[in-house]
Amino acid sequence: MALFPAGLLAIMVVYYFIAHRFLQPVCACPFSTLLVWLPELILFIMLVWVFSFFRDPDRQIVQDANLLLAPADGTIAAVEKLDNCEGVEGAVWRVEIFLNIFNVHINRVPCPVKIGQITYKPGQFLDARNPQCSKVNEANEVEMFRLDAPKDRLLVRQISGAIARRIVCEAKTGEEFSAGQRFGMIKFGSCTELYVPVRENVKCCVQKGDAVKAGLTILAKYE
């Protein structure tokens, strides 16, 4: 995480010395000062944004076994019922969350779970807003088993976007997590999906267009 900001700082320092030693003395136009400082200002704004992107705010997570919390910050891009889905048995609810470049990109587990199989799938890097990105983009599928009854098998998919080119998953097969606990992130704009088995007592609590926060917003609940 520190490589990109460190690189920006290095570029700012190198450009500062080059501009003051070589560019400013030979450039006598009225815009010479602007020519020197404008790139520095742009790089500084980028640096502030990068630090903002990697922010990881502490959150007070409600520990309720009947709740399924959002695994990511962002906007609900789709809520649909599928008759079947690879990796999850039977009909499922698919909830897709779109993360823009200004959202917190930390991924959190939706409820107390034990991590099952983790499957990395190479793919394309379409814009995360493209409806096809869920099917063809690079993704990391994290199987999760609820620790509380009903002990459903859930699936969280971390999906790359056009800018996001690195999926981070720190979870390991067999590990147990409490609700809202961090397990990874996707760097820059991306999508995160939650797949939940369809049950009569499972109520979906969000709809397309809703803004959600990881570990805080209730996506679904067992009634």
Protein backbone atom coordinates (compact mmCIF):
# COMPACT_ATOMS: atom_id res chain seq x y z
CA MET A 1 0.00 0.00 0.00
CA ALA A 2 2.92 2.33 0.70
CA LEU A 3 4.61 1.94 -2.70
CA PHE A 4 2.30 4.23 -4.68
CA PRO A 5 2.35 7.17 -2.22
CA ALA A 6 6.11 6.75 -1.80
CA GLY A 7 6.50 6.85 -5.58
CA LEU A 8 4.44 10.04 -5.82
CA LEU A 9 6.54 11.69 -3.12
CA ALA A 10 9.73 10.70 -4.95
CA ILE A 11 8.42 12.16 -8.22
CA MET A 12 7.47 15.41 -6.44
CA VAL A 13 10.95 15.78 -4.96
CA VAL A 14 12.74 14.96 -8.23
CA TYR A 15 10.54 17.32 -10.25
CA TYR A 16 11.05 20.13 -7.72
CA PHE A 17 14.84 20.02 -8.05
CA ILE A 18 14.77 19.61 -11.84
CA ALA A 19 12.31 22.48 -12.30
CA HIS A 20 14.21 24.89 -10.06
CA ARG A 21 17.62 24.05 -11.47
CA PHE A 22 16.90 23.69 -15.17
CA LEU A 23 13.39 24.82 -16.08
CA GLN A 24 12.83 28.06 -14.16
CA PRO A 25 16.19 29.74 -15.05
CA VAL A 26 15.69 29.28 -18.82
CA CYS A 27 11.99 30.09 -18.83
CA ALA A 28 11.57 33.87 -18.60
CA CYS A 29 7.87 33.96 -19.44
CA PRO A 30 5.33 35.23 -16.87
CA PHE A 31 4.01 31.69 -16.49
CA SER A 32 7.33 30.21 -15.37
CA THR A 33 6.24 30.01 -11.72
CA LEU A 34 2.97 28.36 -12.71
CA LEU A 35 4.88 25.94 -14.93
CA VAL A 36 6.99 24.92 -11.95
CA TRP A 37 4.29 24.67 -9.30
CA LEU A 38 1.23 23.42 -11.23
CA PRO A 39 2.62 19.87 -11.69
CA GLU A 40 3.59 19.87 -8.00
CA LEU A 41 0.04 20.86 -7.05
CA ILE A 42 -1.44 18.11 -9.25
CA LEU A 43 0.89 15.51 -7.74
CA PHE A 44 0.02 16.72 -4.22
CA ILE A 45 -3.72 16.39 -4.93
CA MET A 46 -3.09 12.85 -6.22
CA LEU A 47 -1.12 12.06 -3.06
CA VAL A 48 -3.94 13.27 -0.80
CA TRP A 49 -6.43 11.20 -2.80
CA VAL A 50 -4.28 8.06 -2.54
CA PHE A 51 -4.06 8.41 1.25
CA SER A 52 -7.83 8.94 1.29
CA PHE A 53 -8.39 5.85 -0.85
CA PHE A 54 -6.46 3.60 1.55
CA ARG A 55 -8.31 4.88 4.62
CA ASP A 56 -9.63 2.23 6.97
CA PRO A 57 -12.09 3.75 9.47
CA ASP A 58 -12.98 1.91 12.66
CA ARG A 59 -16.64 0.92 12.84
CA GLN A 60 -18.94 -0.24 15.60
CA ILE A 61 -20.24 -3.54 14.23
CA VAL A 62 -23.54 -4.93 15.49
CA GLN A 63 -23.02 -8.60 16.41
CA ASP A 64 -26.38 -10.11 15.50
CA ALA A 65 -26.38 -13.61 13.97
CA ASN A 66 -29.65 -12.86 12.14
CA LEU A 67 -28.13 -10.04 10.07
CA LEU A 68 -26.13 -10.14 6.86
CA LEU A 69 -24.06 -6.98 6.64
CA ALA A 70 -22.66 -5.30 3.55
CA PRO A 71 -19.23 -6.71 2.62
CA ALA A 72 -18.20 -3.40 0.98
CA ASP A 73 -18.91 0.33 0.82
CA GLY A 74 -20.57 1.64 -2.32
CA THR A 75 -23.86 1.66 -4.18
CA ILE A 76 -26.17 -1.29 -4.78
CA ALA A 77 -25.87 -1.99 -8.53
CA ALA A 78 -28.14 -5.06 -8.65
CA VAL A 79 -30.40 -7.19 -6.49
CA GLU A 80 -31.69 -10.31 -8.19
CA LYS A 81 -32.82 -13.86 -7.55
CA LEU A 82 -30.97 -16.54 -9.52
CA ASP A 83 -32.21 -20.10 -9.95
CA ASN A 84 -28.67 -21.40 -9.65
CA CYS A 85 -25.15 -20.10 -9.25
CA GLU A 86 -21.75 -21.71 -9.51
CA GLY A 87 -20.38 -22.22 -6.02
CA VAL A 88 -23.74 -21.95 -4.22
CA GLU A 89 -26.36 -24.70 -4.19
CA GLY A 90 -29.93 -23.94 -5.28
CA ALA A 91 -31.57 -20.56 -5.80
CA VAL A 92 -29.70 -17.53 -4.46
CA TRP A 93 -30.00 -13.82 -3.93
CA ARG A 94 -27.22 -11.91 -5.72
CA VAL A 95 -26.46 -8.47 -4.31
CA GLU A 96 -23.90 -6.47 -6.28
CA ILE A 97 -22.13 -3.45 -4.79
CA PHE A 98 -20.32 -0.97 -7.03
CA LEU A 99 -17.36 0.81 -5.46
CA ASN A 100 -16.17 4.06 -7.03
CA ILE A 101 -12.68 5.48 -6.57
CA PHE A 102 -13.78 7.57 -3.58
CA ASN A 103 -15.30 4.75 -1.51
CA VAL A 104 -13.52 2.93 1.30
CA HIS A 105 -12.31 -0.29 -0.36
CA ILE A 106 -11.93 -2.54 2.68
CA ASN A 107 -13.95 -5.78 2.42
CA ARG A 108 -15.66 -7.21 5.52
CA VAL A 109 -17.44 -10.51 6.20
CA PRO A 110 -21.26 -10.24 6.37
CA CYS A 111 -21.75 -12.31 9.54
CA PRO A 112 -19.85 -14.74 11.80
CA VAL A 113 -18.36 -17.24 9.33
CA LYS A 114 -15.77 -19.91 8.73
CA ILE A 115 -13.82 -19.49 5.51
CA GLY A 116 -14.16 -22.30 2.99
CA GLN A 117 -12.54 -22.54 -0.41
CA ILE A 118 -10.95 -19.44 -1.95
CA THR A 119 -10.89 -19.46 -5.75
CA TYR A 120 -9.04 -16.94 -7.91
CA LYS A 121 -10.38 -16.54 -11.46
CA PRO A 122 -8.35 -14.62 -14.05
CA GLY A 123 -10.32 -12.52 -16.51
CA GLN A 124 -10.79 -9.16 -18.20
CA PHE A 125 -10.76 -5.67 -16.70
CA LEU A 126 -14.01 -4.11 -17.95
CA ASP A 127 -15.35 -1.00 -16.26
CA ALA A 128 -16.99 -2.08 -12.98
CA ARG A 129 -20.22 -0.35 -14.11
CA ASN A 130 -20.48 -2.65 -17.13
CA PRO A 131 -23.18 -5.32 -16.53
CA GLN A 132 -20.85 -7.93 -18.01
CA CYS A 133 -18.01 -7.31 -15.54
CA SER A 134 -19.47 -9.78 -13.04
CA LYS A 135 -19.25 -12.54 -15.65
CA VAL A 136 -15.94 -11.87 -17.40
CA ASN A 137 -13.69 -9.81 -15.10
CA GLU A 138 -10.91 -11.06 -12.86
CA ALA A 139 -12.45 -12.18 -9.57
CA ASN A 140 -11.70 -13.81 -6.24
CA GLU A 141 -14.46 -16.02 -4.81
CA VAL A 142 -14.48 -16.52 -1.06
CA GLU A 143 -16.71 -19.30 0.23
CA MET A 144 -18.07 -18.66 3.72
CA PHE A 145 -20.07 -20.88 6.08
CA ARG A 146 -22.26 -19.26 8.70
CA LEU A 147 -21.29 -20.21 12.25
CA ASP A 148 -24.85 -19.73 13.48
CA ALA A 149 -28.03 -21.50 12.41
CA PRO A 150 -29.02 -21.74 9.68
CA LYS A 151 -25.46 -22.67 8.70
CA ASP A 152 -25.84 -21.48 5.14
CA ARG A 153 -23.08 -21.46 2.59
CA LEU A 154 -22.43 -17.89 1.40
CA LEU A 155 -20.21 -16.57 -1.34
CA VAL A 156 -18.47 -13.20 -1.51
CA ARG A 157 -16.91 -12.28 -4.86
CA GLN A 158 -14.25 -9.58 -5.13
CA ILE A 159 -14.27 -8.33 -8.75
CA SER A 160 -11.67 -6.15 -10.45
CA GLY A 161 -12.59 -3.14 -12.59
CA ALA A 162 -10.93 -1.12 -15.35
CA ILE A 163 -8.71 0.70 -12.84
CA ALA A 164 -8.54 -1.90 -10.09
CA ARG A 165 -5.83 -4.39 -10.97
CA ARG A 166 -5.10 -6.01 -7.64
CA ILE A 167 -7.40 -7.99 -5.39
CA VAL A 168 -6.21 -8.46 -1.82
CA CYS A 169 -7.61 -11.34 0.26
CA GLU A 170 -6.03 -11.96 3.65
CA ALA A 171 -8.48 -14.69 4.66
CA LYS A 172 -7.29 -18.30 4.79
CA THR A 173 -9.32 -21.49 4.45
CA GLY A 174 -10.48 -22.68 7.87
CA GLU A 175 -10.22 -19.29 9.60
CA GLU A 176 -13.18 -17.96 11.57
CA PHE A 177 -14.30 -14.33 11.44
CA SER A 178 -16.76 -12.29 13.46
CA ALA A 179 -19.37 -10.14 11.73
CA GLY A 180 -17.87 -7.11 9.99
CA GLN A 181 -14.28 -8.25 10.41
CA ARG A 182 -11.90 -7.17 7.63
CA PHE A 183 -10.73 -9.86 5.23
CA GLY A 184 -9.34 -7.96 2.23
CA MET A 185 -9.72 -5.10 -0.23
CA ILE A 186 -9.79 -4.27 -3.94
CA LYS A 187 -7.54 -1.43 -5.02
CA PHE A 188 -9.42 1.35 -6.85
CA GLY A 189 -12.86 1.14 -8.54
CA SER A 190 -14.41 -2.33 -8.44
CA CYS A 191 -17.39 -4.52 -7.45
CA THR A 192 -18.17 -6.84 -4.56
CA GLU A 193 -20.98 -9.38 -4.68
CA LEU A 194 -22.75 -11.35 -1.96
CA TYR A 195 -24.61 -14.57 -2.78
CA VAL A 196 -27.15 -15.81 -0.21
CA PRO A 197 -29.31 -18.97 -0.47
CA VAL A 198 -32.98 -18.18 -0.98
CA ARG A 199 -35.07 -19.06 2.08
CA GLU A 200 -38.62 -18.20 3.13
CA ASN A 201 -37.28 -16.50 6.23
CA VAL A 202 -34.57 -14.47 4.45
CA LYS A 203 -35.63 -10.89 3.74
CA CYS A 204 -33.61 -8.65 1.42
CA CYS A 205 -33.32 -5.17 2.94
CA VAL A 206 -31.79 -3.14 0.07
CA GLN A 207 -32.64 -2.20 -3.47
CA LYS A 208 -30.78 -0.91 -6.50
CA GLY A 209 -29.38 2.58 -5.95
CA ASP A 210 -29.03 2.35 -2.15
CA ALA A 211 -25.77 3.56 -0.61
CA VAL A 212 -24.21 1.02 1.76
CA LYS A 213 -21.29 0.81 4.17
CA ALA A 214 -19.32 -2.33 4.94
CA GLY A 215 -20.12 -3.82 8.31
CA LEU A 216 -22.87 -1.28 9.01
CA THR A 217 -25.60 -1.56 6.38
CA ILE A 218 -27.95 -4.57 6.65
CA LEU A 219 -28.29 -6.27 3.25
CA ALA A 220 -30.54 -9.10 4.44
CA LYS A 221 -31.88 -10.62 7.63
CA TYR A 222 -33.12 -13.98 8.86
CA GLU A 223 -36.61 -13.47 10.30
